[in-house]
Amino acid sequence: MDIPPLEREDLTHCRRLMRQCHDLPRDLADASIVALADRLGIAKVFTLDHKDFSIYRLKQKKRFTLIP
């Protein structure tokens, strides 16, 4: 499976996400994953960063399913 490129709308979404959480600094890598997941309708994420990704939400306020 190829990793899709970020589109202009994704970058705008990334900036918005990075500004939202002042108490939880969200870096570009995390914001990019969330933006792509929102666009592609993906709710399952492989990450070692369970602390942050257990807090992040998709646009529908849905939680991510974290793997492992």
Protein backbone atom coordinates (compact mmCIF):
# COMPACT_ATOMS: atom_id res chain seq x y z
CA MET A 1 0.00 0.00 0.00
CA ASP A 2 1.31 3.43 -0.93
CA ILE A 3 1.23 6.34 1.46
CA PRO A 4 -0.91 9.04 -0.14
CA PRO A 5 0.59 12.53 -0.43
CA LEU A 6 -0.73 15.37 1.67
CA GLU A 7 -3.02 17.66 -0.28
CA ARG A 8 -3.44 21.40 0.24
CA GLU A 9 -6.59 20.81 2.32
CA ASP A 10 -4.67 18.33 4.49
CA LEU A 11 -2.01 20.94 5.24
CA THR A 12 -4.70 23.44 6.23
CA HIS A 13 -6.21 20.77 8.49
CA CYS A 14 -2.73 20.06 9.96
CA ARG A 15 -2.25 23.72 10.87
CA ARG A 16 -5.68 23.81 12.51
CA LEU A 17 -4.95 20.63 14.48
CA MET A 18 -1.56 21.93 15.63
CA ARG A 19 -3.17 25.14 16.95
CA GLN A 20 -5.99 23.34 18.80
CA CYS A 21 -4.07 21.60 21.57
CA HIS A 22 -1.98 24.10 23.50
CA ASP A 23 -1.52 21.75 26.46
CA LEU A 24 -0.62 18.83 24.16
CA PRO A 25 1.83 19.96 21.51
CA ARG A 26 0.92 18.16 18.29
CA ASP A 27 3.78 18.00 15.83
CA LEU A 28 3.45 17.93 12.04
CA ALA A 29 3.92 14.15 11.89
CA ASP A 30 0.98 13.48 14.24
CA ALA A 31 -1.19 16.15 12.61
CA SER A 32 -0.45 14.65 9.17
CA ILE A 33 -1.56 11.20 10.31
CA VAL A 34 -4.78 12.60 11.76
CA ALA A 35 -5.48 14.69 8.63
CA LEU A 36 -4.90 11.73 6.29
CA ALA A 37 -6.99 9.45 8.49
CA ASP A 38 -9.83 11.99 8.38
CA ARG A 39 -9.66 12.31 4.59
CA LEU A 40 -9.34 8.57 3.93
CA GLY A 41 -11.80 7.43 6.58
CA ILE A 42 -9.20 5.42 8.51
CA ALA A 43 -9.67 4.96 12.25
CA LYS A 44 -7.07 2.24 12.91
CA VAL A 45 -3.51 3.49 13.52
CA PHE A 46 -0.27 1.65 14.22
CA THR A 47 1.64 3.78 16.72
CA LEU A 48 3.93 3.54 19.69
CA ASP A 49 2.63 6.93 20.82
CA HIS A 50 -0.45 5.66 22.66
CA LYS A 51 -0.42 8.59 25.09
CA ASP A 52 -1.09 11.19 22.39
CA PHE A 53 -3.15 9.10 19.99
CA SER A 54 -5.52 8.06 22.77
CA ILE A 55 -6.38 11.78 23.06
CA TYR A 56 -6.57 12.67 19.35
CA ARG A 57 -9.98 12.43 17.68
CA LEU A 58 -11.16 12.22 14.11
CA LYS A 59 -13.52 14.89 12.75
CA GLN A 60 -16.51 12.78 13.81
CA LYS A 61 -15.14 12.84 17.40
CA LYS A 62 -14.39 9.15 16.97
CA ARG A 63 -11.40 7.67 18.81
CA PHE A 64 -8.60 5.91 16.98
CA THR A 65 -8.20 2.16 17.31
CA LEU A 66 -4.56 1.82 18.32
CA ILE A 67 -2.27 -1.02 17.25
CA PRO A 68 -0.29 -2.67 18.88
